Amino acid sequence: MMQNDVVVVGGGISGLSLAFYCVQAGMKTTILEKNDTTGGSFASPHYSANGKKFWLELGAHTCYSSYQNLLDIVEVCGLKDSIIPRAKVPFTLFVNGKIKSIVSRLNILELLVAAPNLFKLKKPGQSVKSYYSKIVGEQNYRDVISHFFNAVPSQVTDDFPADMMFKSREKRKDMLKNYTFKGGLQSVAKVISASSGLNVFTSQEVNSVQYDNGQYIIRSANGGEYAAKTLVLATPSSVASKLLWDINPDIANHLGQLKAADVDSVGVIVRKENISMKPVAALIAPNDIFFSVVSRDTVPDDNYRGFTFHFKPGLDEKTKRSRITEVLGVSFSKMEHTESKMNTVPTLRLGHHQWLEKTDMLMKGKKNLLLTGNYFGGMAIEDCVSRSKSEFERMKG
């Protein structure tokens, strides 16, 4: 049985960042990741043919200058020089088979009448729908704006807490406002995974956790056994709930109350000469079988273009392929390469702040059990890293 100071279950950006803090503090740390690569929503598969290389994103797509905790890690890991800007191409709507600008679909008069509410209304206690429908007008919210919000977590966001959807954070003035990395966002996952002193084991789906004689015993489905004084669960809340049921049913039950949604993402790579669509950052689709199509046009390439369709769950492969060819106007036989990934994102609701307060109460005094992920302070990358940092500080304090 492998002995550790810390075992982190889950190798997404939440687990990776917490493991990073532990390794920096000199702790023997192991990450157990169920998939064959680390990164979670930092998923940037690479494609190579005839000496030409290309990557595209299957999860998160952009970082911002306000992601200060993430940037601190990036700098320590020596990755700052690989930061690159994103090209300025438009976010658009895809309506009835045609690309439309956002402005063309807005009711300008309604927007002008509603806009002053921006200076009167407060977000706390409001849902996304109740707040933003008063800021842009009900029709504009229903027909346009709500679909952009839905595209962020690839689910309907009407009932999300308004103050957790988009946050105002202090920006670093020495950084690009929005950016990515030369090899995609998964570059960050790879460089953290390679940190000296960090053990990373992929294809290790954890199926049981026990607590015995002051240490956690973690077992994976393929027979791996690991022991640690401190356990970190950086998994979806439902997974954390199942793993903790025999150890702490109160916390397990509390975590199990949260809902989540699956995001079914399919990325396609197309030769530039085979597609006539003008460069876009994304296509947002009201009432379609996908929430959005995010393009790699923000990082232009001489040979290829990439598009990631974030589909609604439950669709068969034939249906997805048919819609991809219809939207792009390219037969599937001319697709150079395809990649697929399923991500899990939380379904946040009003009252989540109260849920967090109870979480803190249940976790009080449990410095050797840490919980991190995208279902605490918010779903943005920085929210995940910030949660990991605060949990590390709670352990050390």
Protein backbone atom coordinates (compact mmCIF):
# COMPACT_ATOMS: atom_id res chain seq x y z
CA MET A 1 0.00 0.00 0.00
CA MET A 2 1.40 3.36 -1.06
CA GLN A 3 1.86 5.81 1.84
CA ASN A 4 1.24 9.55 1.30
CA ASP A 5 0.73 12.77 3.18
CA VAL A 6 -2.14 13.69 0.85
CA VAL A 7 -4.22 11.77 -1.68
CA VAL A 8 -6.28 13.82 -4.11
CA VAL A 9 -9.16 12.05 -5.82
CA GLY A 10 -9.82 13.84 -9.10
CA GLY A 11 -7.30 15.36 -11.51
CA GLY A 12 -9.24 18.32 -12.86
CA ILE A 13 -8.06 21.87 -12.27
CA SER A 14 -9.50 21.80 -8.73
CA GLY A 15 -7.58 18.69 -7.73
CA LEU A 16 -4.46 19.75 -9.58
CA SER A 17 -4.32 23.18 -7.97
CA LEU A 18 -4.79 21.75 -4.48
CA ALA A 19 -2.12 19.15 -5.15
CA PHE A 20 0.16 21.96 -6.37
CA TYR A 21 -0.21 23.82 -3.06
CA CYS A 22 0.51 20.62 -1.13
CA VAL A 23 3.64 19.80 -3.13
CA GLN A 24 4.90 23.36 -2.73
CA ALA A 25 4.56 22.86 1.03
CA GLY A 26 6.74 19.73 0.84
CA MET A 27 3.95 17.20 1.29
CA LYS A 28 4.11 13.82 -0.43
CA THR A 29 1.05 14.03 -2.65
CA THR A 30 -0.70 11.65 -5.02
CA ILE A 31 -3.46 12.37 -7.52
CA LEU A 32 -5.83 9.59 -8.59
CA GLU A 33 -7.66 10.36 -11.84
CA LYS A 34 -10.25 8.04 -13.36
CA ASN A 35 -9.60 9.15 -16.95
CA ASP A 36 -6.45 8.46 -18.95
CA THR A 37 -5.31 12.11 -18.75
CA THR A 38 -5.50 14.85 -16.14
CA GLY A 39 -7.18 18.19 -16.71
CA GLY A 40 -10.91 17.57 -16.42
CA SER A 41 -12.51 20.51 -18.18
CA PHE A 42 -9.02 21.55 -19.26
CA ALA A 43 -9.18 19.24 -22.26
CA SER A 44 -7.11 20.21 -25.31
CA PRO A 45 -6.62 17.12 -27.50
CA HIS A 46 -3.88 17.47 -30.11
CA TYR A 47 -4.07 16.26 -33.70
CA SER A 48 -1.16 15.79 -36.06
CA ALA A 49 -1.04 14.82 -39.74
CA ASN A 50 1.63 15.28 -42.39
CA GLY A 51 3.72 17.38 -40.05
CA LYS A 52 0.84 19.77 -39.29
CA LYS A 53 -0.34 20.08 -35.71
CA PHE A 54 -3.57 21.41 -34.27
CA TRP A 55 -5.46 21.37 -30.97
CA LEU A 56 -8.93 22.30 -29.85
CA GLU A 57 -10.74 22.71 -26.55
CA LEU A 58 -13.41 20.25 -25.39
CA GLY A 59 -14.18 21.94 -22.07
CA ALA A 60 -13.16 25.37 -20.80
CA HIS A 61 -12.07 27.77 -23.52
CA THR A 62 -10.75 31.02 -22.03
CA CYS A 63 -8.78 32.45 -19.13
CA TYR A 64 -8.89 36.06 -17.93
CA SER A 65 -6.58 38.57 -16.27
CA SER A 66 -8.80 38.38 -13.18
CA TYR A 67 -7.79 34.75 -12.58
CA GLN A 68 -5.05 35.78 -10.18
CA ASN A 69 -4.69 32.53 -8.23
CA LEU A 70 -4.43 30.58 -11.46
CA LEU A 71 -1.85 33.02 -12.79
CA ASP A 72 0.23 32.62 -9.63
CA ILE A 73 0.42 28.88 -10.33
CA VAL A 74 1.16 29.46 -14.01
CA GLU A 75 4.08 31.72 -13.13
CA VAL A 76 5.56 29.33 -10.58
CA CYS A 77 5.32 26.52 -13.13
CA GLY A 78 7.15 28.61 -15.75
CA LEU A 79 4.23 28.67 -18.16
CA LYS A 80 3.71 32.44 -18.39
CA ASP A 81 5.70 32.74 -21.64
CA SER A 82 3.28 30.36 -23.38
CA ILE A 83 0.30 32.67 -22.80
CA ILE A 84 -1.11 33.92 -26.10
CA PRO A 85 -3.92 36.36 -26.94
CA ARG A 86 -7.25 35.33 -28.41
CA ALA A 87 -8.17 36.86 -31.77
CA LYS A 88 -11.12 39.24 -31.79
CA VAL A 89 -13.85 37.40 -33.65
CA PRO A 90 -17.57 37.75 -32.87
CA PHE A 91 -19.88 35.77 -30.67
CA THR A 92 -22.98 35.16 -32.76
CA LEU A 93 -26.42 33.59 -32.72
CA PHE A 94 -27.38 30.64 -34.91
CA VAL A 95 -31.06 30.98 -35.79
CA ASN A 96 -32.98 29.00 -38.42
CA GLY A 97 -29.77 27.83 -40.05
CA LYS A 98 -28.27 31.32 -40.33
CA ILE A 99 -25.66 33.26 -38.39
CA LYS A 100 -27.06 36.42 -36.83
CA SER A 101 -25.40 39.19 -34.87
CA ILE A 102 -26.48 39.73 -31.29
CA VAL A 103 -27.54 43.33 -31.93
CA SER A 104 -29.79 42.32 -34.83
CA ARG A 105 -31.88 40.17 -32.48
CA LEU A 106 -32.23 42.68 -29.67
CA ASN A 107 -35.19 44.97 -29.11
CA ILE A 108 -33.24 48.21 -28.70
CA LEU A 109 -36.16 50.21 -27.31
CA GLU A 110 -36.79 47.62 -24.61
CA LEU A 111 -33.08 47.58 -23.81
CA LEU A 112 -32.96 51.37 -23.40
CA VAL A 113 -36.00 51.35 -21.12
CA ALA A 114 -34.65 48.55 -18.95
CA ALA A 115 -30.97 49.58 -18.81
CA PRO A 116 -31.28 52.08 -15.90
CA ASN A 117 -32.19 49.14 -13.64
CA LEU A 118 -28.53 48.16 -13.82
CA PHE A 119 -27.79 50.95 -11.33
CA LYS A 120 -30.73 50.14 -9.02
CA LEU A 121 -30.91 46.38 -8.67
CA LYS A 122 -28.68 44.20 -6.52
CA LYS A 123 -27.76 40.62 -7.46
CA PRO A 124 -27.88 38.91 -4.03
CA GLY A 125 -31.10 36.95 -3.59
CA GLN A 126 -31.97 37.17 -7.27
CA SER A 127 -31.97 34.43 -9.89
CA VAL A 128 -30.32 34.94 -13.25
CA LYS A 129 -33.74 35.30 -14.85
CA SER A 130 -35.25 37.65 -12.27
CA TYR A 131 -32.20 39.93 -12.31
CA TYR A 132 -31.17 40.05 -15.96
CA SER A 133 -34.69 40.16 -17.40
CA LYS A 134 -35.05 43.49 -15.57
CA ILE A 135 -31.67 44.71 -16.87
CA VAL A 136 -32.21 43.95 -20.58
CA GLY A 137 -35.99 43.55 -20.74
CA GLU A 138 -38.03 40.37 -20.64
CA GLN A 139 -38.18 39.83 -24.40
CA ASN A 140 -34.46 40.44 -24.88
CA TYR A 141 -33.70 38.08 -22.03
CA ARG A 142 -35.99 35.35 -23.37
CA ASP A 143 -34.97 35.59 -27.04
CA VAL A 144 -31.26 36.42 -26.80
CA ILE A 145 -29.47 36.93 -23.50
CA SER A 146 -30.67 33.80 -21.69
CA HIS A 147 -29.18 31.62 -24.41
CA PHE A 148 -25.73 33.15 -23.91
CA PHE A 149 -26.01 32.44 -20.18
CA ASN A 150 -27.15 28.87 -20.90
CA ALA A 151 -24.11 28.35 -23.14
CA VAL A 152 -21.68 28.94 -20.27
CA PRO A 153 -22.50 25.77 -18.25
CA SER A 154 -24.43 24.11 -21.12
CA GLN A 155 -27.70 23.99 -19.23
CA VAL A 156 -30.66 26.27 -18.52
CA THR A 157 -29.52 28.91 -16.04
CA ASP A 158 -32.78 30.77 -15.29
CA ASP A 159 -32.70 29.66 -11.63
CA PHE A 160 -28.97 30.07 -11.02
CA PRO A 161 -28.03 32.63 -8.34
CA ALA A 162 -27.33 35.85 -10.23
CA ASP A 163 -24.33 36.72 -8.08
CA MET A 164 -22.62 33.39 -8.86
CA MET A 165 -23.01 33.49 -12.63
CA PHE A 166 -20.55 36.25 -13.37
CA LYS A 167 -18.30 37.82 -10.77
CA SER A 168 -16.36 41.04 -10.69
CA ARG A 169 -12.73 40.34 -9.78
CA GLU A 170 -9.68 42.54 -9.59
CA LYS A 171 -7.66 42.26 -12.80
CA ARG A 172 -3.94 42.05 -13.23
CA LYS A 173 -2.93 45.03 -15.31
CA ASP A 174 0.20 43.30 -16.63
CA MET A 175 -1.82 40.50 -18.24
CA LEU A 176 -3.92 40.14 -21.36
CA LYS A 177 -7.60 40.66 -20.64
CA ASN A 178 -8.41 37.21 -22.03
CA TYR A 179 -6.00 34.59 -23.23
CA THR A 180 -5.15 30.94 -23.72
CA PHE A 181 -1.91 28.98 -24.03
CA LYS A 182 0.13 27.88 -27.04
CA GLY A 183 -0.87 24.26 -26.53
CA GLY A 184 -4.37 24.95 -25.17
CA LEU A 185 -5.60 25.11 -21.59
CA GLN A 186 -4.55 21.54 -20.88
CA SER A 187 -0.98 22.83 -20.94
CA VAL A 188 -1.64 24.04 -17.39
CA ALA A 189 -2.79 20.57 -16.30
CA LYS A 190 0.24 18.93 -17.88
CA VAL A 191 2.77 21.23 -16.25
CA ILE A 192 1.20 20.85 -12.79
CA SER A 193 1.05 17.08 -13.26
CA ALA A 194 4.78 17.10 -13.98
CA SER A 195 5.60 18.92 -10.72
CA SER A 196 8.48 17.45 -8.78
CA GLY A 197 7.21 15.47 -5.81
CA LEU A 198 3.74 14.89 -7.24
CA ASN A 199 2.65 11.36 -8.10
CA VAL A 200 -0.09 11.14 -10.72
CA PHE A 201 -1.92 7.92 -11.48
CA THR A 202 -4.46 7.97 -14.29
CA SER A 203 -7.10 5.35 -15.14
CA GLN A 204 -7.61 4.98 -11.37
CA GLU A 205 -11.31 5.24 -10.60
CA VAL A 206 -11.68 5.29 -6.82
CA ASN A 207 -14.52 3.09 -5.59
CA SER A 208 -14.04 3.05 -1.81
CA VAL A 209 -12.62 5.14 1.01
CA GLN A 210 -12.17 4.01 4.61
CA TYR A 211 -10.83 5.76 7.69
CA ASP A 212 -8.72 3.60 9.99
CA ASN A 213 -6.22 4.44 12.74
CA GLY A 214 -5.92 8.09 11.79
CA GLN A 215 -5.48 7.64 8.05
CA TYR A 216 -7.60 7.26 4.97
CA ILE A 217 -7.39 4.08 2.90
CA ILE A 218 -8.31 4.73 -0.74
CA ARG A 219 -8.93 1.86 -3.14
CA SER A 220 -9.40 2.01 -6.90
CA ALA A 221 -11.50 -0.25 -9.09
CA ASN A 222 -8.44 -1.96 -10.58
CA GLY A 223 -6.94 -2.91 -7.23
CA GLY A 224 -4.76 0.08 -6.35
CA GLU A 225 -4.44 0.90 -2.62
CA TYR A 226 -3.25 4.20 -1.19
CA ALA A 227 -3.01 5.55 2.36
CA ALA A 228 -2.87 9.17 3.47
CA LYS A 229 -3.37 11.31 6.54
CA THR A 230 -5.27 13.86 4.43
CA LEU A 231 -7.91 13.08 1.81
CA VAL A 232 -8.95 15.56 -0.87
CA LEU A 233 -12.10 14.93 -2.87
CA ALA A 234 -11.99 16.97 -6.08
CA THR A 235 -14.85 15.17 -7.81
CA PRO A 236 -18.45 16.01 -8.70
CA SER A 237 -20.52 16.31 -5.53
CA SER A 238 -22.43 13.08 -6.24
CA VAL A 239 -19.16 11.12 -6.42
CA ALA A 240 -17.85 12.71 -3.22
CA SER A 241 -21.16 11.86 -1.54
CA LYS A 242 -20.87 8.16 -2.40
CA LEU A 243 -17.24 7.92 -1.29
CA LEU A 244 -17.97 9.54 2.09
CA TRP A 245 -21.16 7.66 2.93
CA ASP A 246 -19.55 5.15 5.29
CA ILE A 247 -17.18 7.71 6.83
CA ASN A 248 -19.44 10.70 7.41
CA PRO A 249 -23.08 10.23 6.36
CA ASP A 250 -24.01 13.80 7.36
CA ILE A 251 -21.54 15.33 4.91
CA ALA A 252 -22.35 12.67 2.31
CA ASN A 253 -26.07 13.43 2.53
CA HIS A 254 -25.40 17.16 2.31
CA LEU A 255 -23.26 16.78 -0.82
CA GLY A 256 -25.85 14.48 -2.37
CA GLN A 257 -28.44 17.26 -2.31
CA LEU A 258 -26.77 19.09 -5.18
CA LYS A 259 -27.84 18.48 -8.76
CA ALA A 260 -25.54 18.37 -11.78
CA ALA A 261 -25.73 18.20 -15.56
CA ASP A 262 -23.71 16.28 -18.10
CA VAL A 263 -22.16 18.24 -20.96
CA ASP A 264 -21.74 16.15 -24.11
CA SER A 265 -19.00 17.79 -26.19
CA VAL A 266 -17.95 16.80 -29.70
CA GLY A 267 -15.02 18.55 -31.37
CA VAL A 268 -14.36 18.44 -35.08
CA ILE A 269 -11.32 19.55 -37.08
CA VAL A 270 -11.81 20.69 -40.66
CA ARG A 271 -9.36 21.81 -43.32
CA LYS A 272 -9.73 25.54 -43.90
CA GLU A 273 -10.42 25.15 -47.60
CA ASN A 274 -13.38 22.87 -46.90
CA ILE A 275 -15.45 25.34 -44.91
CA SER A 276 -16.85 28.72 -45.97
CA MET A 277 -18.19 29.96 -42.61
CA LYS A 278 -16.68 33.28 -41.58
CA PRO A 279 -14.50 33.25 -38.43
CA VAL A 280 -16.51 33.30 -35.20
CA ALA A 281 -15.77 32.90 -31.50
CA ALA A 282 -18.94 30.89 -30.98
CA LEU A 283 -22.40 30.17 -32.30
CA ILE A 284 -25.11 30.36 -29.64
CA ALA A 285 -28.17 28.32 -30.57
CA PRO A 286 -31.59 29.21 -29.11
CA ASN A 287 -33.82 26.13 -28.87
CA ASP A 288 -31.46 23.80 -30.73
CA ILE A 289 -30.09 20.38 -29.74
CA PHE A 290 -26.81 22.05 -28.75
CA PHE A 291 -26.18 25.00 -26.47
CA SER A 292 -23.22 26.36 -28.37
CA VAL A 293 -20.52 25.73 -30.93
CA VAL A 294 -17.21 27.15 -29.72
CA SER A 295 -14.62 27.81 -32.42
CA ARG A 296 -10.83 27.66 -32.46
CA ASP A 297 -10.93 30.74 -34.72
CA THR A 298 -9.83 32.70 -31.64
CA VAL A 299 -6.42 31.10 -32.22
CA PRO A 300 -6.12 31.15 -36.04
CA ASP A 301 -4.27 28.36 -37.81
CA ASP A 302 -2.90 28.22 -41.35
CA ASN A 303 -4.31 24.79 -42.12
CA TYR A 304 -7.26 23.87 -39.93
CA ARG A 305 -10.33 25.17 -38.15
CA GLY A 306 -11.85 23.52 -35.08
CA PHE A 307 -15.38 23.56 -33.68
CA THR A 308 -16.65 22.09 -30.42
CA PHE A 309 -20.37 21.37 -30.19
CA HIS A 310 -21.73 21.33 -26.64
CA PHE A 311 -24.80 19.13 -27.07
CA LYS A 312 -27.75 18.58 -24.80
CA PRO A 313 -27.42 15.15 -23.15
CA GLY A 314 -29.05 11.96 -24.39
CA LEU A 315 -28.54 12.30 -28.15
CA ASP A 316 -27.39 9.40 -30.30
CA GLU A 317 -24.28 9.65 -32.48
CA LYS A 318 -26.21 9.78 -35.75
CA THR A 319 -28.26 12.77 -34.58
CA LYS A 320 -25.17 14.66 -33.40
CA ARG A 321 -23.24 13.98 -36.60
CA SER A 322 -26.16 15.07 -38.74
CA ARG A 323 -26.48 18.38 -36.88
CA ILE A 324 -22.73 19.02 -37.11
CA THR A 325 -22.77 18.64 -40.89
CA GLU A 326 -25.87 20.83 -41.21
CA VAL A 327 -24.40 23.67 -39.13
CA LEU A 328 -20.94 23.64 -40.68
CA GLY A 329 -22.08 22.83 -44.21
CA VAL A 330 -19.41 20.14 -44.48
CA SER A 331 -20.03 16.42 -45.02
CA PHE A 332 -18.71 14.18 -42.27
CA SER A 333 -16.39 12.50 -44.76
CA LYS A 334 -14.52 15.79 -45.03
CA MET A 335 -14.03 16.12 -41.29
CA GLU A 336 -10.31 15.71 -40.68
CA HIS A 337 -10.68 14.47 -37.10
CA THR A 338 -13.22 14.22 -34.27
CA GLU A 339 -12.91 14.09 -30.47
CA SER A 340 -15.55 13.57 -27.78
CA LYS A 341 -15.71 14.26 -24.04
CA MET A 342 -18.34 14.19 -21.30
CA ASN A 343 -18.00 16.73 -18.49
CA THR A 344 -20.12 17.18 -15.37
CA VAL A 345 -21.10 20.66 -14.21
CA PRO A 346 -23.17 21.64 -11.14
CA THR A 347 -26.73 22.88 -11.37
CA LEU A 348 -26.72 25.81 -8.97
CA ARG A 349 -29.94 27.22 -7.50
CA LEU A 350 -31.03 30.06 -5.23
CA GLY A 351 -30.20 29.04 -1.70
CA HIS A 352 -26.73 27.81 -2.66
CA HIS A 353 -25.12 30.34 -0.30
CA GLN A 354 -27.03 28.76 2.58
CA TRP A 355 -25.88 25.34 1.38
CA LEU A 356 -22.28 26.61 1.50
CA GLU A 357 -22.74 27.91 5.04
CA LYS A 358 -23.94 24.48 6.16
CA THR A 359 -21.00 22.88 4.35
CA ASP A 360 -18.60 25.04 6.35
CA MET A 361 -20.37 24.05 9.55
CA LEU A 362 -20.19 20.33 8.74
CA MET A 363 -16.51 20.57 7.77
CA LYS A 364 -15.49 22.50 10.89
CA GLY A 365 -12.64 20.76 12.66
CA LYS A 366 -12.06 18.28 9.85
CA LYS A 367 -8.68 19.56 8.67
CA ASN A 368 -7.70 16.23 7.15
CA LEU A 369 -10.74 16.04 4.85
CA LEU A 370 -10.79 18.62 2.08
CA LEU A 371 -13.50 19.25 -0.51
CA THR A 372 -12.93 21.22 -3.68
CA GLY A 373 -14.51 21.54 -7.11
CA ASN A 374 -16.73 23.72 -9.24
CA TYR A 375 -19.79 23.51 -6.98
CA PHE A 376 -18.69 25.82 -4.17
CA GLY A 377 -18.08 29.52 -4.90
CA GLY A 378 -18.84 29.26 -8.63
CA MET A 379 -18.05 27.38 -11.80
CA ALA A 380 -15.36 29.63 -13.27
CA ILE A 381 -11.78 28.35 -13.40
CA GLU A 382 -10.72 30.89 -10.81
CA ASP A 383 -13.53 29.80 -8.48
CA CYS A 384 -12.13 26.26 -8.58
CA VAL A 385 -8.56 27.35 -7.87
CA SER A 386 -9.68 29.75 -5.14
CA ARG A 387 -11.62 26.98 -3.42
CA SER A 388 -8.56 24.72 -3.53
CA LYS A 389 -6.37 27.46 -2.08
CA SER A 390 -8.80 28.15 0.76
CA GLU A 391 -9.07 24.42 1.57
CA PHE A 392 -5.29 24.11 1.63
CA GLU A 393 -5.08 27.08 3.99
CA ARG A 394 -7.77 25.53 6.20
CA MET A 395 -5.71 22.34 6.43
CA LYS A 396 -2.50 24.22 7.27
CA GLY A 397 -4.19 26.62 9.68
